């Protein structure tokens, strides 16, 4: 489940960057890019790993 969420977050980041092309978009100053990148790069929660291993 966490992998799906990360995949969707990365897709949102790609879509945001694609929409911003040509509009003098500065990724390092963009709050949306910063938050999406942070979400995409965070490790999976320990609860999700434990629940998946127990099945």
N, C-alpha and C. Protein backbone atom coordinates (compact mmCIF):
# COMPACT_ATOMS: atom_id res chain seq x y z
N UNK A 1 0.82 -1.19 0.00
CA UNK A 1 0.00 0.00 0.00
C UNK A 1 0.87 1.26 0.00
N UNK A 2 1.95 1.25 0.77
CA UNK A 2 2.84 2.41 0.84
C UNK A 2 3.51 2.65 -0.50
N UNK A 3 3.82 1.57 -1.21
CA UNK A 3 4.45 1.72 -2.53
C UNK A 3 3.49 2.41 -3.50
N UNK A 4 2.23 2.11 -3.40
CA UNK A 4 1.23 2.74 -4.26
C UNK A 4 1.14 4.23 -3.95
N UNK A 5 1.15 4.57 -2.67
CA UNK A 5 1.08 5.98 -2.27
C UNK A 5 2.31 6.74 -2.77
N UNK A 6 3.49 6.13 -2.65
CA UNK A 6 4.71 6.78 -3.15
C UNK A 6 4.65 6.95 -4.66
N UNK A 7 4.15 5.94 -5.36
CA UNK A 7 4.03 6.03 -6.81
C UNK A 7 3.09 7.18 -7.21
N UNK A 8 1.97 7.29 -6.51
CA UNK A 8 1.01 8.36 -6.80
C UNK A 8 1.60 9.73 -6.48
N UNK A 9 2.38 9.82 -5.41
CA UNK A 9 3.02 11.08 -5.05
C UNK A 9 4.02 11.49 -6.11
N UNK A 10 4.81 10.54 -6.58
CA UNK A 10 5.78 10.84 -7.64
C UNK A 10 5.07 11.26 -8.92
N UNK A 11 3.93 10.63 -9.21
CA UNK A 11 3.17 11.01 -10.40
C UNK A 11 2.64 12.44 -10.27
N UNK A 12 2.19 12.81 -9.06
CA UNK A 12 1.74 14.19 -8.83
C UNK A 12 2.88 15.18 -9.01
N UNK A 13 4.07 14.82 -8.53
CA UNK A 13 5.23 15.70 -8.68
C UNK A 13 5.57 15.88 -10.16
N UNK A 14 5.57 14.79 -10.92
CA UNK A 14 5.85 14.89 -12.36
C UNK A 14 4.81 15.74 -13.07
N UNK A 15 3.54 15.57 -12.72
CA UNK A 15 2.47 16.36 -13.34
C UNK A 15 2.62 17.84 -12.99
N UNK A 16 2.96 18.12 -11.75
CA UNK A 16 3.15 19.52 -11.33
C UNK A 16 4.30 20.15 -12.11
N UNK A 17 5.40 19.44 -12.23
CA UNK A 17 6.56 19.98 -12.96
C UNK A 17 6.25 20.15 -14.44
N UNK A 18 5.50 19.22 -15.02
CA UNK A 18 5.14 19.33 -16.43
C UNK A 18 4.26 20.56 -16.67
N UNK A 19 3.35 20.82 -15.74
CA UNK A 19 2.47 21.99 -15.88
C UNK A 19 3.23 23.29 -15.69
N UNK A 20 4.31 23.25 -14.94
CA UNK A 20 5.05 24.47 -14.62
C UNK A 20 6.12 24.81 -15.66
N UNK A 21 6.38 23.92 -16.59
CA UNK A 21 7.42 24.17 -17.60
C UNK A 21 7.05 25.42 -18.40
N UNK A 22 8.02 26.27 -18.57
CA UNK A 22 7.80 27.49 -19.35
C UNK A 22 7.24 28.66 -18.54
N UNK A 23 7.05 28.46 -17.27
CA UNK A 23 6.50 29.52 -16.43
C UNK A 23 7.51 29.99 -15.39
N UNK A 24 8.79 29.90 -15.72
CA UNK A 24 9.88 30.31 -14.83
C UNK A 24 9.76 29.66 -13.47
N UNK A 25 9.44 28.38 -13.47
CA UNK A 25 9.26 27.61 -12.24
C UNK A 25 10.61 27.30 -11.61
N UNK A 26 10.77 27.63 -10.34
CA UNK A 26 11.98 27.32 -9.60
C UNK A 26 11.65 26.25 -8.57
N UNK A 27 12.06 25.03 -8.86
CA UNK A 27 11.72 23.89 -8.01
C UNK A 27 12.16 24.10 -6.57
N UNK A 28 13.36 24.64 -6.37
CA UNK A 28 13.86 24.77 -4.99
C UNK A 28 13.09 25.80 -4.17
N UNK A 29 12.32 26.67 -4.83
CA UNK A 29 11.54 27.68 -4.12
C UNK A 29 10.05 27.36 -4.09
N UNK A 30 9.67 26.25 -4.67
CA UNK A 30 8.26 25.90 -4.79
C UNK A 30 7.82 25.03 -3.61
N UNK A 31 6.83 25.49 -2.87
CA UNK A 31 6.34 24.74 -1.71
C UNK A 31 5.70 23.42 -2.12
N UNK A 32 5.01 23.40 -3.25
CA UNK A 32 4.36 22.17 -3.73
C UNK A 32 5.42 21.13 -4.09
N UNK A 33 6.44 21.53 -4.83
CA UNK A 33 7.51 20.60 -5.19
C UNK A 33 8.21 20.07 -3.94
N UNK A 34 8.49 20.97 -3.02
CA UNK A 34 9.19 20.58 -1.80
C UNK A 34 8.39 19.54 -1.03
N UNK A 35 7.09 19.77 -0.85
CA UNK A 35 6.24 18.84 -0.09
C UNK A 35 6.08 17.50 -0.81
N UNK A 36 5.84 17.53 -2.12
CA UNK A 36 5.68 16.29 -2.87
C UNK A 36 6.96 15.47 -2.87
N UNK A 37 8.08 16.13 -3.03
CA UNK A 37 9.36 15.43 -3.01
C UNK A 37 9.62 14.81 -1.64
N UNK A 38 9.29 15.54 -0.59
CA UNK A 38 9.47 15.03 0.77
C UNK A 38 8.59 13.79 0.99
N UNK A 39 7.35 13.84 0.53
CA UNK A 39 6.45 12.69 0.66
C UNK A 39 6.94 11.49 -0.13
N UNK A 40 7.45 11.73 -1.33
CA UNK A 40 7.91 10.64 -2.18
C UNK A 40 9.17 9.98 -1.63
N UNK A 41 9.99 10.73 -0.92
CA UNK A 41 11.26 10.21 -0.46
C UNK A 41 11.22 9.63 0.96
N UNK A 42 10.14 9.85 1.70
CA UNK A 42 10.11 9.36 3.08
C UNK A 42 10.01 7.84 3.10
N UNK A 43 10.68 7.21 4.07
CA UNK A 43 10.65 5.75 4.16
C UNK A 43 9.27 5.28 4.60
N UNK A 44 8.92 4.04 4.28
CA UNK A 44 7.61 3.52 4.70
C UNK A 44 7.53 3.44 6.23
N UNK A 45 6.34 3.59 6.75
CA UNK A 45 6.13 3.53 8.20
C UNK A 45 6.35 2.10 8.69
N UNK A 46 6.83 1.97 9.92
CA UNK A 46 7.11 0.65 10.49
C UNK A 46 5.82 -0.17 10.64
N UNK A 47 4.69 0.48 10.93
CA UNK A 47 3.43 -0.24 11.08
C UNK A 47 3.02 -0.91 9.78
N UNK A 48 3.22 -0.26 8.68
CA UNK A 48 2.85 -0.83 7.38
C UNK A 48 3.71 -2.03 7.04
N UNK A 49 5.00 -1.97 7.36
CA UNK A 49 5.88 -3.11 7.10
C UNK A 49 5.50 -4.30 7.96
N UNK A 50 5.21 -4.05 9.21
CA UNK A 50 4.84 -5.13 10.11
C UNK A 50 3.52 -5.77 9.73
N UNK A 51 2.58 -4.96 9.30
CA UNK A 51 1.28 -5.49 8.88
C UNK A 51 1.39 -6.32 7.62
N UNK A 52 2.24 -5.88 6.70
CA UNK A 52 2.41 -6.62 5.45
C UNK A 52 3.14 -7.94 5.69
N UNK A 53 4.08 -7.96 6.63
CA UNK A 53 4.85 -9.18 6.91
C UNK A 53 3.99 -10.21 7.64
N UNK A 54 3.01 -9.75 8.39
CA UNK A 54 2.17 -10.67 9.17
C UNK A 54 1.13 -11.39 8.34
N UNK A 55 0.93 -10.98 7.12
CA UNK A 55 -0.11 -11.60 6.28
C UNK A 55 0.34 -12.85 5.64
